[in-house]
Each structure stands twice: as structure tokens, then as C-alpha cells.
């Protein structure tokens, strides 16, 4: 789960990102290809990224677009084992 501050000071936006994972911290593979995720203060400013089950120790997010600011923004990342 990706989170931004829920404050109404943060307008709705779509951020484009790729999720990569690694078992050793140096060799990363793509877990989720580039896609846009909608963040809206009316629904808590959160976005859920569903991944296929895999063994990974490290996660890396690469932001390539943001309709609300000229850079990627993230306040909190939650990752859950299934």
C-alpha cells in the first residue's frame, strides 16, 4: 500500500511508477511494470499495488510521472507477506 498525507492540502493526483524487488539489494527485477496509481484525499490518499507472490527482501519504487507535482511523492509504504 502506498500512502500520501490524507490532508485536503494534497490534491488528487496520478503517479506513475514501477516496482522492483531483490533478494540481495544489488540485482533488481521488475515485480510490477510501469502503471499509473490514483491518489485522492477523498479516499484517504492511498493506492494499492498488488504483486504476484515472490521471494524478495528489498523493494524499490521508480517514479516516472506525477500529475500533481514535478517529482514522485510518497509518505509511507506498507508491504505485507501473503
C-alpha atoms as a PDB file:
ATOM      1  CA  UNK A   1       0.000   0.000   0.000  1.00  0.00           C
ATOM      2  CA  UNK A   2       1.278   3.432  -0.935  1.00  0.00           C
ATOM      3  CA  UNK A   3       0.251   6.428   1.151  1.00  0.00           C
ATOM      4  CA  UNK A   4       0.342  10.198   0.905  1.00  0.00           C
ATOM      5  CA  UNK A   5      -0.759  12.554   3.687  1.00  0.00           C
ATOM      6  CA  UNK A   6      -4.579  12.374   3.884  1.00  0.00           C
ATOM      7  CA  UNK A   7      -4.836  16.135   4.295  1.00  0.00           C
ATOM      8  CA  UNK A   8      -7.006  18.081   1.892  1.00  0.00           C
ATOM      9  CA  UNK A   9      -3.888  20.203   1.289  1.00  0.00           C
ATOM     10  CA  UNK A  10      -2.785  17.440  -1.088  1.00  0.00           C
ATOM     11  CA  UNK A  11      -4.895  17.474  -4.215  1.00  0.00           C
ATOM     12  CA  UNK A  12      -5.813  14.357  -6.150  1.00  0.00           C
ATOM     13  CA  UNK A  13      -3.101  13.078  -8.457  1.00  0.00           C
ATOM     14  CA  UNK A  14      -1.986  10.096 -10.504  1.00  0.00           C
ATOM     15  CA  UNK A  15       1.560   8.889 -10.038  1.00  0.00           C
ATOM     16  CA  UNK A  16       3.257   6.558 -12.492  1.00  0.00           C
ATOM     17  CA  UNK A  17       5.719   4.074 -11.053  1.00  0.00           C
ATOM     18  CA  UNK A  18       7.446   0.728 -11.405  1.00  0.00           C
ATOM     19  CA  UNK A  19       8.030  -1.706  -8.517  1.00  0.00           C
ATOM     20  CA  UNK A  20      11.237  -3.727  -8.420  1.00  0.00           C
ATOM     21  CA  UNK A  21      12.417  -6.360  -5.958  1.00  0.00           C
ATOM     22  CA  UNK A  22      15.682  -8.011  -4.970  1.00  0.00           C
ATOM     23  CA  UNK A  23      16.900 -10.746  -2.653  1.00  0.00           C
ATOM     24  CA  UNK A  24      20.403  -9.266  -2.292  1.00  0.00           C
ATOM     25  CA  UNK A  25      19.937  -5.493  -2.633  1.00  0.00           C
ATOM     26  CA  UNK A  26      22.025  -5.181  -5.790  1.00  0.00           C
ATOM     27  CA  UNK A  27      20.294  -7.183  -8.522  1.00  0.00           C
ATOM     28  CA  UNK A  28      16.688  -5.999  -9.022  1.00  0.00           C
ATOM     29  CA  UNK A  29      13.940  -7.419 -11.208  1.00  0.00           C
ATOM     30  CA  UNK A  30      10.598  -5.892 -12.140  1.00  0.00           C
ATOM     31  CA  UNK A  31       7.741  -7.047  -9.925  1.00  0.00           C
ATOM     32  CA  UNK A  32       5.155  -4.642 -11.367  1.00  0.00           C
ATOM     33  CA  UNK A  33       5.560  -2.881 -14.703  1.00  0.00           C
ATOM     34  CA  UNK A  34       5.051   0.845 -15.042  1.00  0.00           C
ATOM     35  CA  UNK A  35       1.475   1.867 -14.272  1.00  0.00           C
ATOM     36  CA  UNK A  36      -0.457   4.857 -13.003  1.00  0.00           C
ATOM     37  CA  UNK A  37      -1.912   4.874  -9.474  1.00  0.00           C
ATOM     38  CA  UNK A  38      -4.591   7.340  -8.390  1.00  0.00           C
ATOM     39  CA  UNK A  39      -4.298   9.112  -5.038  1.00  0.00           C
ATOM     40  CA  UNK A  40      -7.365  11.049  -3.865  1.00  0.00           C
ATOM     41  CA  UNK A  41      -7.773  12.781  -0.490  1.00  0.00           C
ATOM     42  CA  UNK A  42     -11.484  11.855  -0.537  1.00  0.00           C
ATOM     43  CA  UNK A  43     -10.496   8.184  -0.247  1.00  0.00           C
ATOM     44  CA  UNK A  44      -7.514   8.560   2.115  1.00  0.00           C
ATOM     45  CA  UNK A  45      -4.814   9.331  -0.473  1.00  0.00           C
ATOM     46  CA  UNK A  46      -3.786   5.673  -0.719  1.00  0.00           C
ATOM     47  CA  UNK A  47      -3.116   3.335  -3.625  1.00  0.00           C
ATOM     48  CA  UNK A  48      -2.781  -0.438  -3.542  1.00  0.00           C
ATOM     49  CA  UNK A  49      -0.272  -2.246  -5.739  1.00  0.00           C
ATOM     50  CA  UNK A  50      -0.954  -5.975  -5.984  1.00  0.00           C
ATOM     51  CA  UNK A  51       2.051  -8.171  -6.727  1.00  0.00           C
ATOM     52  CA  UNK A  52       2.380 -11.825  -7.620  1.00  0.00           C
ATOM     53  CA  UNK A  53       3.858 -13.913  -4.784  1.00  0.00           C
ATOM     54  CA  UNK A  54       7.653 -13.874  -4.870  1.00  0.00           C
ATOM     55  CA  UNK A  55      10.608 -14.115  -2.512  1.00  0.00           C
ATOM     56  CA  UNK A  56      12.144 -10.676  -2.112  1.00  0.00           C
ATOM     57  CA  UNK A  57      13.881  -8.788   0.651  1.00  0.00           C
ATOM     58  CA  UNK A  58      14.251  -5.339  -0.885  1.00  0.00           C
ATOM     59  CA  UNK A  59      11.709  -3.181  -2.713  1.00  0.00           C
ATOM     60  CA  UNK A  60      12.479  -0.245  -4.972  1.00  0.00           C
ATOM     61  CA  UNK A  61       9.931   2.168  -6.425  1.00  0.00           C
ATOM     62  CA  UNK A  62      10.813   4.187  -9.517  1.00  0.00           C
ATOM     63  CA  UNK A  63       8.518   7.160 -10.109  1.00  0.00           C
ATOM     64  CA  UNK A  64       8.298   8.378 -13.701  1.00  0.00           C
ATOM     65  CA  UNK A  65       5.290  10.688 -13.551  1.00  0.00           C
ATOM     66  CA  UNK A  66       3.101  12.706 -11.203  1.00  0.00           C
ATOM     67  CA  UNK A  67       0.154  14.847 -12.281  1.00  0.00           C
ATOM     68  CA  UNK A  68       0.239  16.860  -9.022  1.00  0.00           C
ATOM     69  CA  UNK A  69       3.933  17.745  -8.628  1.00  0.00           C
ATOM     70  CA  UNK A  70       7.133  17.597 -10.721  1.00  0.00           C
ATOM     71  CA  UNK A  71       8.524  14.678  -8.665  1.00  0.00           C
ATOM     72  CA  UNK A  72       7.360  11.401  -7.125  1.00  0.00           C
ATOM     73  CA  UNK A  73       5.829  11.682  -3.678  1.00  0.00           C
ATOM     74  CA  UNK A  74       5.321   9.047  -1.011  1.00  0.00           C
ATOM     75  CA  UNK A  75       4.824   9.328   2.752  1.00  0.00           C
ATOM     76  CA  UNK A  76       4.512   5.672   3.667  1.00  0.00           C
ATOM     77  CA  UNK A  77       4.989   2.250   2.096  1.00  0.00           C
ATOM     78  CA  UNK A  78       3.385  -0.859   3.579  1.00  0.00           C
ATOM     79  CA  UNK A  79       4.330  -4.321   2.301  1.00  0.00           C
ATOM     80  CA  UNK A  80       2.625  -7.484   3.500  1.00  0.00           C
ATOM     81  CA  UNK A  81       3.660 -11.108   3.111  1.00  0.00           C
ATOM     82  CA  UNK A  82       0.976 -13.442   1.907  1.00  0.00           C
END
